[in-house]
All heavy atoms as atom14 arrays in JSON, in Angstrom:
{
  "sequence": "AVYYCAASSDPYYDNYHPPLYGMGYWGKGTL",
  "atom14_mask": [
    [1, 1, 1, 1, 1, 0, 0, 0, 0, 0, 0, 0, 0, 0],
    [1, 1, 1, 1, 1, 1, 1, 0, 0, 0, 0, 0, 0, 0],
    [1, 1, 1, 1, 1, 1, 1, 1, 1, 1, 1, 1, 0, 0],
    [1, 1, 1, 1, 1, 1, 1, 1, 1, 1, 1, 1, 0, 0],
    [1, 1, 1, 1, 1, 1, 0, 0, 0, 0, 0, 0, 0, 0],
    [1, 1, 1, 1, 1, 0, 0, 0, 0, 0, 0, 0, 0, 0],
    [1, 1, 1, 1, 1, 0, 0, 0, 0, 0, 0, 0, 0, 0],
    [1, 1, 1, 1, 1, 1, 0, 0, 0, 0, 0, 0, 0, 0],
    [1, 1, 1, 1, 1, 1, 0, 0, 0, 0, 0, 0, 0, 0],
    [1, 1, 1, 1, 1, 1, 1, 1, 0, 0, 0, 0, 0, 0],
    [1, 1, 1, 1, 1, 1, 1, 0, 0, 0, 0, 0, 0, 0],
    [1, 1, 1, 1, 1, 1, 1, 1, 1, 1, 1, 1, 0, 0],
    [1, 1, 1, 1, 1, 1, 1, 1, 1, 1, 1, 1, 0, 0],
    [1, 1, 1, 1, 1, 1, 1, 1, 0, 0, 0, 0, 0, 0],
    [1, 1, 1, 1, 1, 1, 1, 1, 0, 0, 0, 0, 0, 0],
    [1, 1, 1, 1, 1, 1, 1, 1, 1, 1, 1, 1, 0, 0],
    [1, 1, 1, 1, 1, 1, 1, 1, 1, 1, 0, 0, 0, 0],
    [1, 1, 1, 1, 1, 1, 1, 0, 0, 0, 0, 0, 0, 0],
    [1, 1, 1, 1, 1, 1, 1, 0, 0, 0, 0, 0, 0, 0],
    [1, 1, 1, 1, 1, 1, 1, 1, 0, 0, 0, 0, 0, 0],
    [1, 1, 1, 1, 1, 1, 1, 1, 1, 1, 1, 1, 0, 0],
    [1, 1, 1, 1, 0, 0, 0, 0, 0, 0, 0, 0, 0, 0],
    [1, 1, 1, 1, 1, 1, 1, 1, 0, 0, 0, 0, 0, 0],
    [1, 1, 1, 1, 0, 0, 0, 0, 0, 0, 0, 0, 0, 0],
    [1, 1, 1, 1, 1, 1, 1, 1, 1, 1, 1, 1, 0, 0],
    [1, 1, 1, 1, 1, 1, 1, 1, 1, 1, 1, 1, 1, 1],
    [1, 1, 1, 1, 0, 0, 0, 0, 0, 0, 0, 0, 0, 0],
    [1, 1, 1, 1, 1, 1, 1, 1, 1, 0, 0, 0, 0, 0],
    [1, 1, 1, 1, 0, 0, 0, 0, 0, 0, 0, 0, 0, 0],
    [1, 1, 1, 1, 1, 1, 1, 0, 0, 0, 0, 0, 0, 0],
    [1, 1, 1, 1, 1, 1, 1, 1, 0, 0, 0, 0, 0, 0]
  ],
  "atom14_positions": [
    [[64.93, 127.92, -151.5], [63.69, 127.09, -151.46], [63.02, 127.23, -150.07], [63.54, 127.86, -149.18], [64.16, 125.66, -151.66], [0.0, 0.0, 0.0], [0.0, 0.0, 0.0], [0.0, 0.0, 0.0], [0.0, 0.0, 0.0], [0.0, 0.0, 0.0], [0.0, 0.0, 0.0], [0.0, 0.0, 0.0], [0.0, 0.0, 0.0], [0.0, 0.0, 0.0]],
    [[61.86, 126.67, -150.05], [61.2, 126.46, -148.75], [61.66, 125.15, -148.16], [61.62, 124.09, -148.79], [59.68, 126.4, -148.99], [58.98, 126.11, -147.6], [59.15, 127.75, -149.47], [0.0, 0.0, 0.0], [0.0, 0.0, 0.0], [0.0, 0.0, 0.0], [0.0, 0.0, 0.0], [0.0, 0.0, 0.0], [0.0, 0.0, 0.0], [0.0, 0.0, 0.0]],
    [[62.21, 125.26, -146.96], [62.75, 124.06, -146.33], [61.74, 123.52, -145.28], [61.2, 124.31, -144.47], [64.09, 124.5, -145.61], [65.27, 124.61, -146.56], [65.33, 125.68, -147.47], [66.3, 123.71, -146.56], [66.29, 125.76, -148.35], [67.32, 123.81, -147.5], [67.3, 124.8, -148.39], [68.34, 124.93, -149.29], [0.0, 0.0, 0.0], [0.0, 0.0, 0.0]],
    [[61.58, 122.2, -145.36], [60.58, 121.56, -144.52], [61.26, 120.54, -143.57], [62.18, 119.81, -144.03], [59.55, 120.82, -145.33], [58.77, 121.65, -146.28], [59.17, 121.87, -147.58], [57.54, 122.18, -145.87], [58.38, 122.74, -148.43], [56.77, 122.98, -146.65], [57.16, 123.22, -147.9], [56.42, 124.02, -148.8], [0.0, 0.0, 0.0], [0.0, 0.0, 0.0]],
    [[60.88, 120.61, -142.4], [61.24, 119.59, -141.44], [60.22, 118.43, -141.52], [59.02, 118.66, -141.73], [61.14, 120.23, -139.97], [61.53, 119.02, -138.62], [0.0, 0.0, 0.0], [0.0, 0.0, 0.0], [0.0, 0.0, 0.0], [0.0, 0.0, 0.0], [0.0, 0.0, 0.0], [0.0, 0.0, 0.0], [0.0, 0.0, 0.0], [0.0, 0.0, 0.0]],
    [[60.73, 117.21, -141.43], [59.88, 116.06, -141.57], [60.22, 114.97, -140.6], [61.31, 114.85, -140.16], [59.95, 115.5, -142.98], [0.0, 0.0, 0.0], [0.0, 0.0, 0.0], [0.0, 0.0, 0.0], [0.0, 0.0, 0.0], [0.0, 0.0, 0.0], [0.0, 0.0, 0.0], [0.0, 0.0, 0.0], [0.0, 0.0, 0.0], [0.0, 0.0, 0.0]],
    [[59.19, 114.19, -140.25], [59.37, 113.03, -139.37], [58.76, 111.81, -139.99], [57.79, 111.87, -140.7], [58.76, 113.29, -137.97], [0.0, 0.0, 0.0], [0.0, 0.0, 0.0], [0.0, 0.0, 0.0], [0.0, 0.0, 0.0], [0.0, 0.0, 0.0], [0.0, 0.0, 0.0], [0.0, 0.0, 0.0], [0.0, 0.0, 0.0], [0.0, 0.0, 0.0]],
    [[59.39, 110.67, -139.75], [58.95, 109.46, -140.3], [57.5, 109.12, -139.84], [57.16, 109.46, -138.68], [59.88, 108.26, -139.87], [59.4, 107.06, -140.34], [0.0, 0.0, 0.0], [0.0, 0.0, 0.0], [0.0, 0.0, 0.0], [0.0, 0.0, 0.0], [0.0, 0.0, 0.0], [0.0, 0.0, 0.0], [0.0, 0.0, 0.0], [0.0, 0.0, 0.0]],
    [[56.73, 108.51, -140.69], [55.4, 108.1, -140.36], [55.36, 106.97, -139.36], [54.32, 106.75, -138.63], [54.54, 107.75, -141.59], [55.13, 106.7, -142.29], [0.0, 0.0, 0.0], [0.0, 0.0, 0.0], [0.0, 0.0, 0.0], [0.0, 0.0, 0.0], [0.0, 0.0, 0.0], [0.0, 0.0, 0.0], [0.0, 0.0, 0.0], [0.0, 0.0, 0.0]],
    [[56.43, 106.24, -139.29], [56.53, 105.1, -138.4], [57.7, 105.23, -137.46], [58.82, 105.48, -137.79], [56.72, 103.82, -139.22], [55.55, 103.52, -140.15], [54.42, 103.64, -139.7], [55.83, 103.21, -141.34], [0.0, 0.0, 0.0], [0.0, 0.0, 0.0], [0.0, 0.0, 0.0], [0.0, 0.0, 0.0], [0.0, 0.0, 0.0], [0.0, 0.0, 0.0]],
    [[57.38, 105.1, -136.16], [58.45, 105.22, -135.14], [59.31, 103.91, -135.13], [58.85, 102.9, -135.62], [57.73, 105.44, -133.86], [56.48, 104.74, -134.05], [56.09, 104.9, -135.53], [0.0, 0.0, 0.0], [0.0, 0.0, 0.0], [0.0, 0.0, 0.0], [0.0, 0.0, 0.0], [0.0, 0.0, 0.0], [0.0, 0.0, 0.0], [0.0, 0.0, 0.0]],
    [[60.45, 104.03, -134.63], [61.36, 102.9, -134.29], [61.72, 102.14, -135.61], [61.94, 100.91, -135.62], [60.74, 101.9, -133.33], [60.32, 102.47, -132.05], [59.03, 102.69, -131.73], [61.3, 102.83, -131.13], [58.61, 103.25, -130.49], [60.98, 103.36, -129.9], [59.68, 103.55, -129.61], [59.29, 104.12, -128.33], [0.0, 0.0, 0.0], [0.0, 0.0, 0.0]],
    [[61.8, 102.86, -136.68], [62.11, 102.29, -137.91], [62.72, 103.32, -138.9], [62.28, 104.43, -138.91], [60.86, 101.69, -138.59], [61.15, 100.73, -139.75], [61.52, 99.43, -139.49], [61.03, 101.14, -141.03], [61.81, 98.51, -140.55], [61.27, 100.31, -142.12], [61.68, 99.0, -141.83], [61.88, 98.14, -142.9], [0.0, 0.0, 0.0], [0.0, 0.0, 0.0]],
    [[63.72, 102.88, -139.64], [64.33, 103.7, -140.65], [63.93, 103.26, -142.02], [64.26, 102.16, -142.43], [65.82, 103.77, -140.46], [66.27, 104.41, -139.16], [65.8, 105.55, -138.96], [67.1, 103.85, -138.46], [0.0, 0.0, 0.0], [0.0, 0.0, 0.0], [0.0, 0.0, 0.0], [0.0, 0.0, 0.0], [0.0, 0.0, 0.0], [0.0, 0.0, 0.0]],
    [[63.4, 104.14, -142.79], [63.0, 103.85, -144.13], [64.02, 104.41, -145.16], [64.31, 105.61, -145.09], [61.63, 104.47, -144.5], [60.99, 104.01, -145.73], [61.57, 104.02, -146.85], [59.72, 103.56, -145.64], [0.0, 0.0, 0.0], [0.0, 0.0, 0.0], [0.0, 0.0, 0.0], [0.0, 0.0, 0.0], [0.0, 0.0, 0.0], [0.0, 0.0, 0.0]],
    [[64.55, 103.52, -145.98], [65.58, 103.88, -146.88], [65.06, 104.02, -148.35], [65.91, 104.05, -149.26], [66.68, 102.88, -146.86], [67.52, 102.96, -145.62], [67.11, 102.23, -144.48], [68.65, 103.82, -145.4], [67.83, 102.33, -143.29], [69.35, 103.89, -144.28], [68.94, 103.14, -143.22], [69.63, 103.17, -142.0], [0.0, 0.0, 0.0], [0.0, 0.0, 0.0]],
    [[63.79, 104.19, -148.55], [63.22, 104.3, -149.87], [63.07, 105.8, -150.26], [62.26, 106.54, -149.63], [61.88, 103.61, -149.93], [61.94, 102.14, -149.64], [62.7, 101.24, -150.43], [61.35, 101.42, -148.74], [62.56, 100.04, -150.01], [61.78, 100.03, -148.91], [0.0, 0.0, 0.0], [0.0, 0.0, 0.0], [0.0, 0.0, 0.0], [0.0, 0.0, 0.0]],
    [[63.77, 106.17, -151.3], [63.58, 107.54, -151.78], [62.29, 107.72, -152.48], [61.68, 106.7, -152.91], [64.77, 107.71, -152.74], [65.03, 106.35, -153.18], [64.81, 105.45, -152.02], [0.0, 0.0, 0.0], [0.0, 0.0, 0.0], [0.0, 0.0, 0.0], [0.0, 0.0, 0.0], [0.0, 0.0, 0.0], [0.0, 0.0, 0.0], [0.0, 0.0, 0.0]],
    [[61.76, 108.86, -152.8], [62.38, 110.13, -152.43], [62.03, 110.71, -151.05], [62.76, 111.57, -150.6], [61.89, 111.05, -153.54], [60.47, 110.62, -153.74], [60.61, 109.09, -153.63], [0.0, 0.0, 0.0], [0.0, 0.0, 0.0], [0.0, 0.0, 0.0], [0.0, 0.0, 0.0], [0.0, 0.0, 0.0], [0.0, 0.0, 0.0], [0.0, 0.0, 0.0]],
    [[61.01, 110.17, -150.42], [60.59, 110.74, -149.12], [61.06, 109.98, -147.94], [60.86, 110.46, -146.79], [59.03, 110.86, -149.15], [58.47, 111.73, -150.28], [56.92, 111.83, -150.05], [59.13, 113.16, -150.27], [0.0, 0.0, 0.0], [0.0, 0.0, 0.0], [0.0, 0.0, 0.0], [0.0, 0.0, 0.0], [0.0, 0.0, 0.0], [0.0, 0.0, 0.0]],
    [[61.63, 108.84, -148.14], [62.23, 108.07, -147.01], [61.24, 107.82, -145.88], [61.6, 107.83, -144.73], [63.52, 108.71, -146.57], [64.54, 108.77, -147.65], [64.57, 109.86, -148.46], [65.43, 107.8, -147.84], [65.56, 109.99, -149.5], [66.36, 107.86, -148.86], [66.41, 108.93, -149.73], [67.35, 109.03, -150.72], [0.0, 0.0, 0.0], [0.0, 0.0, 0.0]],
    [[60.02, 107.56, -146.2], [59.0, 107.2, -145.18], [58.53, 108.31, -144.34], [57.82, 108.08, -143.32], [0.0, 0.0, 0.0], [0.0, 0.0, 0.0], [0.0, 0.0, 0.0], [0.0, 0.0, 0.0], [0.0, 0.0, 0.0], [0.0, 0.0, 0.0], [0.0, 0.0, 0.0], [0.0, 0.0, 0.0], [0.0, 0.0, 0.0], [0.0, 0.0, 0.0]],
    [[58.81, 109.54, -144.68], [58.44, 110.7, -143.91], [56.89, 110.89, -144.05], [56.38, 110.9, -145.21], [59.16, 111.94, -144.33], [60.66, 111.91, -144.16], [61.17, 111.57, -142.51], [63.0, 111.16, -142.77], [0.0, 0.0, 0.0], [0.0, 0.0, 0.0], [0.0, 0.0, 0.0], [0.0, 0.0, 0.0], [0.0, 0.0, 0.0], [0.0, 0.0, 0.0]],
    [[56.21, 111.09, -142.98], [54.78, 111.2, -143.06], [54.32, 112.44, -142.27], [53.12, 112.87, -142.43], [0.0, 0.0, 0.0], [0.0, 0.0, 0.0], [0.0, 0.0, 0.0], [0.0, 0.0, 0.0], [0.0, 0.0, 0.0], [0.0, 0.0, 0.0], [0.0, 0.0, 0.0], [0.0, 0.0, 0.0], [0.0, 0.0, 0.0], [0.0, 0.0, 0.0]],
    [[55.06, 113.1, -141.54], [54.75, 114.33, -140.79], [55.59, 115.48, -141.3], [56.84, 115.35, -141.4], [54.92, 114.11, -139.28], [54.09, 113.1, -138.67], [54.63, 111.78, -138.51], [52.77, 113.34, -138.28], [53.78, 110.78, -137.98], [52.07, 112.33, -137.73], [52.5, 111.07, -137.6], [51.72, 110.08, -137.07], [0.0, 0.0, 0.0], [0.0, 0.0, 0.0]],
    [[54.94, 116.59, -141.56], [55.65, 117.79, -142.18], [55.33, 119.01, -141.5], [54.2, 119.29, -141.08], [55.26, 117.83, -143.62], [55.56, 116.59, -144.41], [54.8, 115.51, -144.55], [56.76, 116.38, -145.18], [55.43, 114.57, -145.41], [56.6, 115.07, -145.79], [57.94, 117.08, -145.44], [57.66, 114.51, -146.53], [58.95, 116.51, -146.2], [58.74, 115.26, -146.75]],
    [[56.3, 119.9, -141.38], [56.11, 121.27, -140.93], [55.61, 122.14, -142.09], [55.43, 121.6, -143.19], [0.0, 0.0, 0.0], [0.0, 0.0, 0.0], [0.0, 0.0, 0.0], [0.0, 0.0, 0.0], [0.0, 0.0, 0.0], [0.0, 0.0, 0.0], [0.0, 0.0, 0.0], [0.0, 0.0, 0.0], [0.0, 0.0, 0.0], [0.0, 0.0, 0.0]],
    [[55.33, 123.33, -141.77], [54.75, 124.2, -142.83], [55.85, 124.9, -143.61], [55.63, 125.48, -144.65], [53.91, 125.26, -142.17], [52.61, 124.8, -141.59], [51.76, 125.92, -141.02], [50.49, 125.33, -140.41], [49.62, 126.5, -139.92], [0.0, 0.0, 0.0], [0.0, 0.0, 0.0], [0.0, 0.0, 0.0], [0.0, 0.0, 0.0], [0.0, 0.0, 0.0]],
    [[57.14, 124.74, -143.19], [58.23, 125.21, -144.0], [58.72, 126.58, -143.59], [58.02, 127.35, -143.03], [0.0, 0.0, 0.0], [0.0, 0.0, 0.0], [0.0, 0.0, 0.0], [0.0, 0.0, 0.0], [0.0, 0.0, 0.0], [0.0, 0.0, 0.0], [0.0, 0.0, 0.0], [0.0, 0.0, 0.0], [0.0, 0.0, 0.0], [0.0, 0.0, 0.0]],
    [[60.0, 126.8, -143.91], [60.59, 128.11, -143.68], [61.4, 128.54, -144.99], [62.14, 127.64, -145.55], [61.47, 128.19, -142.44], [61.97, 129.5, -142.21], [62.65, 127.14, -142.57], [0.0, 0.0, 0.0], [0.0, 0.0, 0.0], [0.0, 0.0, 0.0], [0.0, 0.0, 0.0], [0.0, 0.0, 0.0], [0.0, 0.0, 0.0], [0.0, 0.0, 0.0]],
    [[61.24, 129.67, -145.4], [61.86, 130.15, -146.7], [63.24, 130.66, -146.52], [63.57, 131.41, -145.62], [61.01, 131.27, -147.25], [61.57, 131.92, -148.61], [61.5, 130.85, -149.71], [60.72, 133.17, -148.96], [0.0, 0.0, 0.0], [0.0, 0.0, 0.0], [0.0, 0.0, 0.0], [0.0, 0.0, 0.0], [0.0, 0.0, 0.0], [0.0, 0.0, 0.0]]
  ]
}
């Protein structure tokens, strides 16, 4: 698959809601 690094859209907080768990920033991916 293409693997993506992601960071939460909100700092200082952990989001436990699937499927994206609050991630709002994404890299372009690596295959």
